Amino acid sequence: MLIRLLAGLVLAVAMTGAAAAEDFAEHLALSGNDWWVAVASRQDLTEAISIANTYSAQRPRVARAQNGWFAVILGPITTTDLTSFQHDHGGPPLPPDAMLTRGTSYVETMWPASGAVGPSQQQLYRQLLASQANSVEEFCRLALNAARTAWEANNPD
């Protein structure tokens, strides 16, 4: 009970002053000349967000796929050449297994690019409760990381 109270308190503080973030329906499947650049896929949302943060200059986002994994994607972009994308947009090198995708299996954005609506309080609370924290200290670390993520998503530079 104390852990749930702590999680609620941390998330309430993180959302204070931020734009109201609500769950929203979206269509991540692209068509025509538009593509996502998939740079990673992880089972853990926190790990996926950490990877996305390394690509901050390339409009990263983390999308939940139908299989439950979290894809770290950049874009959308209008080129079909990853080398030219890397050259034009700079940033850290793309991993060797990066690929273009239409995103037909992506069902929702879990962590958006700067300037977009941030993850909802409910999404962050679910993530904390689903975590496998083995101690109060670890849970607090996860809660503070979630609060930081919410603050950064809702308060771009």
Protein backbone atom coordinates (compact mmCIF):
# COMPACT_ATOMS: atom_id res chain seq x y z
CA MET A 1 0.00 0.00 0.00
CA LEU A 2 2.83 2.38 0.85
CA ILE A 3 4.47 1.71 -2.51
CA ARG A 4 1.24 2.50 -4.40
CA LEU A 5 0.81 5.69 -2.41
CA LEU A 6 4.41 6.68 -3.15
CA ALA A 7 3.94 5.96 -6.87
CA GLY A 8 0.79 8.06 -6.97
CA LEU A 9 2.49 10.93 -5.17
CA VAL A 10 5.56 10.91 -7.44
CA LEU A 11 3.42 10.80 -10.58
CA ALA A 12 1.10 13.54 -9.33
CA VAL A 13 4.10 15.79 -8.73
CA ALA A 14 5.51 14.97 -12.17
CA MET A 15 2.28 15.90 -13.87
CA THR A 16 1.78 19.15 -11.94
CA GLY A 17 2.17 22.09 -14.25
CA ALA A 18 2.41 19.86 -17.31
CA ALA A 19 -0.12 19.88 -20.07
CA ALA A 20 -2.91 17.42 -19.37
CA ALA A 21 -1.84 14.22 -21.05
CA GLU A 22 -4.60 11.79 -21.92
CA ASP A 23 -4.58 8.50 -23.70
CA PHE A 24 -5.26 9.12 -27.34
CA ALA A 25 -6.08 7.01 -30.33
CA GLU A 26 -3.61 7.26 -33.13
CA HIS A 27 -2.68 5.63 -36.37
CA LEU A 28 0.99 4.76 -36.58
CA ALA A 29 0.74 2.81 -39.85
CA LEU A 30 2.29 4.85 -42.65
CA SER A 31 1.83 4.76 -46.40
CA GLY A 32 3.08 6.44 -49.54
CA ASN A 33 6.56 7.91 -49.14
CA ASP A 34 6.49 7.88 -45.33
CA TRP A 35 8.58 5.45 -43.29
CA TRP A 36 9.64 4.89 -39.69
CA VAL A 37 13.28 4.05 -38.96
CA ALA A 38 13.24 1.20 -36.43
CA VAL A 39 16.46 1.32 -34.39
CA ALA A 40 15.64 -1.09 -31.54
CA SER A 41 13.00 -3.35 -30.06
CA ARG A 42 12.84 -4.13 -26.36
CA GLN A 43 10.49 -5.95 -24.00
CA ASP A 44 11.11 -3.34 -21.28
CA LEU A 45 9.61 0.15 -21.74
CA THR A 46 12.20 1.88 -19.55
CA GLU A 47 15.03 0.36 -21.58
CA ALA A 48 13.35 1.39 -24.85
CA ILE A 49 12.93 4.98 -23.60
CA SER A 50 16.59 5.05 -22.59
CA ILE A 51 17.60 4.04 -26.11
CA ALA A 52 15.20 6.60 -27.62
CA ASN A 53 16.82 9.36 -25.57
CA THR A 54 20.13 8.75 -27.38
CA TYR A 55 18.42 9.77 -30.63
CA SER A 56 16.87 13.00 -29.29
CA ALA A 57 17.79 15.02 -32.40
CA GLN A 58 16.05 12.54 -34.70
CA ARG A 59 12.46 12.73 -33.39
CA PRO A 60 12.44 9.44 -31.47
CA ARG A 61 9.41 7.74 -30.07
CA VAL A 62 8.66 4.42 -28.44
CA ALA A 63 5.70 2.55 -29.88
CA ARG A 64 4.07 -0.54 -28.42
CA ALA A 65 3.70 -3.24 -31.04
CA GLN A 66 0.94 -5.84 -31.27
CA ASN A 67 3.32 -8.46 -29.85
CA GLY A 68 3.79 -6.39 -26.66
CA TRP A 69 7.36 -5.32 -27.41
CA PHE A 70 8.40 -1.66 -27.55
CA ALA A 71 9.90 -0.37 -30.79
CA VAL A 72 12.25 2.61 -30.77
CA ILE A 73 11.44 4.47 -33.97
CA LEU A 74 12.57 7.69 -35.62
CA GLY A 75 10.61 9.80 -38.03
CA PRO A 76 8.49 9.54 -39.97
CA ILE A 77 10.86 10.20 -42.86
CA THR A 78 10.34 10.35 -46.63
CA THR A 79 13.51 8.66 -47.86
CA THR A 80 14.10 5.00 -48.55
CA ASP A 81 17.84 5.30 -48.01
CA LEU A 82 19.06 4.93 -44.41
CA THR A 83 22.52 6.22 -45.31
CA SER A 84 21.16 9.54 -46.57
CA PHE A 85 18.88 9.78 -43.52
CA GLN A 86 21.88 9.27 -41.22
CA HIS A 87 23.90 11.88 -43.13
CA ASP A 88 21.11 14.48 -43.27
CA HIS A 89 19.95 14.15 -39.69
CA GLY A 90 23.22 13.49 -37.87
CA GLY A 91 23.00 12.11 -34.37
CA PRO A 92 24.47 8.84 -33.17
CA PRO A 93 25.10 6.14 -35.75
CA LEU A 94 22.21 3.87 -36.57
CA PRO A 95 22.66 0.27 -35.44
CA PRO A 96 23.55 -2.21 -38.20
CA ASP A 97 20.12 -3.84 -37.94
CA ALA A 98 18.16 -0.57 -38.28
CA MET A 99 15.43 -0.84 -40.87
CA LEU A 100 12.62 1.05 -42.54
CA THR A 101 9.11 0.03 -41.57
CA ARG A 102 5.56 1.16 -42.27
CA GLY A 103 4.64 0.57 -38.63
CA THR A 104 1.59 -1.56 -39.38
CA SER A 105 2.05 -3.51 -36.12
CA TYR A 106 2.42 -0.42 -33.89
CA VAL A 107 -0.65 0.16 -31.75
CA GLU A 108 0.23 3.18 -29.57
CA THR A 109 2.95 5.64 -28.75
CA MET A 110 4.23 5.02 -25.25
CA TRP A 111 6.84 7.76 -25.22
CA PRO A 112 6.61 10.50 -27.85
CA ALA A 113 9.09 12.86 -29.40
CA SER A 114 9.61 16.26 -27.75
CA GLY A 115 6.71 18.60 -28.19
CA ALA A 116 4.10 15.87 -28.48
CA VAL A 117 1.69 14.78 -25.77
CA GLY A 118 3.59 12.88 -23.10
CA PRO A 119 2.72 9.54 -21.59
CA SER A 120 -0.38 9.67 -19.46
CA GLN A 121 -0.29 9.36 -15.71
CA GLN A 122 -2.20 6.10 -16.07
CA GLN A 123 0.41 4.67 -18.48
CA LEU A 124 3.26 5.55 -16.11
CA TYR A 125 1.40 4.18 -13.10
CA ARG A 126 0.77 0.88 -14.94
CA GLN A 127 4.46 0.69 -15.85
CA LEU A 128 5.49 1.15 -12.21
CA LEU A 129 3.04 -1.43 -10.91
CA ALA A 130 4.12 -3.92 -13.56
CA SER A 131 7.79 -3.47 -12.70
CA GLN A 132 9.56 -6.24 -10.92
CA ALA A 133 11.10 -3.96 -8.28
CA ASN A 134 12.71 -6.10 -5.60
CA SER A 135 13.08 -3.33 -3.04
CA VAL A 136 11.57 -0.01 -2.06
CA GLU A 137 14.81 1.65 -3.19
CA GLU A 138 14.52 0.13 -6.67
CA PHE A 139 10.85 1.05 -6.90
CA CYS A 140 11.64 4.65 -5.93
CA ARG A 141 14.35 4.77 -8.60
CA LEU A 142 11.84 3.58 -11.20
CA ALA A 143 9.21 6.04 -9.96
CA LEU A 144 11.62 8.97 -10.15
CA ASN A 145 12.72 7.91 -13.64
CA ALA A 146 9.06 7.78 -14.73
CA ALA A 147 8.48 11.23 -13.22
CA ARG A 148 11.51 12.61 -15.07
CA THR A 149 10.30 11.06 -18.32
CA ALA A 150 6.84 12.60 -17.91
CA TRP A 151 8.32 16.00 -17.08
CA GLU A 152 10.67 15.97 -20.08
CA ALA A 153 7.94 14.82 -22.47
CA ASN A 154 5.56 17.56 -21.35
CA ASN A 155 8.13 20.34 -20.96
CA PRO A 156 10.37 20.37 -24.05
CA ASP A 157 13.43 22.64 -24.04
